[in-house]
Amino acid sequence: MYLKEQNLQLPKKGKQKIKMRRYTLFLQQKVSIN
């Protein structure tokens, strides 16, 4: 899921928002693994 998000091409306007969302997904994945 995290990789899929990362590969999406997104407009610059939503870049910051997506960055935060991506980070959240990363944290969720990290918690799931641990």
N, C-alpha and C. Protein backbone atom coordinates (compact mmCIF):
# COMPACT_ATOMS: atom_id res chain seq x y z
N MET A 1 0.83 -1.20 0.00
CA MET A 1 0.00 0.00 0.00
C MET A 1 0.87 1.26 0.00
N TYR A 2 1.92 1.22 0.80
CA TYR A 2 2.83 2.35 0.90
C TYR A 2 3.54 2.62 -0.43
N LEU A 3 4.01 1.55 -1.05
CA LEU A 3 4.70 1.68 -2.33
C LEU A 3 3.77 2.19 -3.41
N LYS A 4 2.52 1.73 -3.38
CA LYS A 4 1.52 2.15 -4.35
C LYS A 4 1.30 3.66 -4.28
N GLU A 5 1.18 4.16 -3.06
CA GLU A 5 1.02 5.60 -2.83
C GLU A 5 2.20 6.36 -3.41
N GLN A 6 3.38 5.84 -3.16
CA GLN A 6 4.61 6.50 -3.55
C GLN A 6 4.73 6.62 -5.07
N ASN A 7 4.21 5.63 -5.78
CA ASN A 7 4.36 5.60 -7.23
C ASN A 7 3.36 6.49 -7.97
N LEU A 8 2.34 6.98 -7.25
CA LEU A 8 1.35 7.84 -7.89
C LEU A 8 1.96 9.19 -8.26
N GLN A 9 1.61 9.66 -9.44
CA GLN A 9 2.06 10.99 -9.85
C GLN A 9 1.02 12.01 -9.41
N LEU A 10 1.45 12.96 -8.58
CA LEU A 10 0.51 13.89 -7.98
C LEU A 10 0.86 15.34 -8.31
N PRO A 11 -0.16 16.19 -8.36
CA PRO A 11 0.06 17.62 -8.58
C PRO A 11 0.82 18.25 -7.41
N LYS A 12 1.54 19.32 -7.70
CA LYS A 12 2.38 19.97 -6.69
C LYS A 12 1.57 20.56 -5.55
N LYS A 13 0.34 20.95 -5.84
CA LYS A 13 -0.51 21.57 -4.81
C LYS A 13 -0.72 20.65 -3.62
N GLY A 14 -0.99 19.39 -3.89
CA GLY A 14 -1.28 18.44 -2.82
C GLY A 14 -0.05 17.71 -2.30
N LYS A 15 1.12 18.17 -2.73
CA LYS A 15 2.36 17.47 -2.39
C LYS A 15 2.58 17.36 -0.88
N GLN A 16 2.38 18.48 -0.18
CA GLN A 16 2.60 18.50 1.27
C GLN A 16 1.62 17.56 1.97
N LYS A 17 0.36 17.61 1.51
CA LYS A 17 -0.69 16.78 2.10
C LYS A 17 -0.37 15.30 1.89
N ILE A 18 0.06 14.99 0.67
CA ILE A 18 0.39 13.60 0.33
C ILE A 18 1.61 13.13 1.12
N LYS A 19 2.56 14.05 1.31
CA LYS A 19 3.77 13.72 2.06
C LYS A 19 3.39 13.29 3.48
N MET A 20 2.46 14.03 4.09
CA MET A 20 2.00 13.72 5.43
C MET A 20 1.27 12.39 5.46
N ARG A 21 0.42 12.18 4.45
CA ARG A 21 -0.36 10.93 4.34
C ARG A 21 0.58 9.74 4.16
N ARG A 22 1.59 9.93 3.33
CA ARG A 22 2.56 8.88 3.04
C ARG A 22 3.32 8.50 4.32
N TYR A 23 3.67 9.54 5.09
CA TYR A 23 4.38 9.33 6.35
C TYR A 23 3.51 8.55 7.34
N THR A 24 2.22 8.91 7.36
CA THR A 24 1.26 8.22 8.23
C THR A 24 1.15 6.75 7.85
N LEU A 25 1.06 6.49 6.54
CA LEU A 25 0.98 5.11 6.05
C LEU A 25 2.25 4.34 6.42
N PHE A 26 3.38 5.02 6.32
CA PHE A 26 4.66 4.41 6.66
C PHE A 26 4.69 4.01 8.13
N LEU A 27 4.21 4.90 9.00
CA LEU A 27 4.17 4.62 10.43
C LEU A 27 3.24 3.45 10.73
N GLN A 28 2.10 3.41 10.06
CA GLN A 28 1.14 2.33 10.25
C GLN A 28 1.76 0.99 9.86
N GLN A 29 2.48 1.00 8.75
CA GLN A 29 3.12 -0.21 8.26
C GLN A 29 4.20 -0.67 9.25
N LYS A 30 4.96 0.28 9.76
CA LYS A 30 6.02 0.00 10.71
C LYS A 30 5.45 -0.65 11.97
N VAL A 31 4.32 -0.11 12.44
CA VAL A 31 3.65 -0.65 13.62
C VAL A 31 3.14 -2.06 13.35
N SER A 32 2.63 -2.27 12.14
CA SER A 32 2.10 -3.59 11.77
C SER A 32 3.20 -4.64 11.75
N ILE A 33 4.37 -4.27 11.24
CA ILE A 33 5.50 -5.20 11.15
C ILE A 33 5.98 -5.55 12.56
N ASN A 34 6.10 -4.54 13.41
CA ASN A 34 6.54 -4.76 14.78
C ASN A 34 5.37 -5.29 15.59
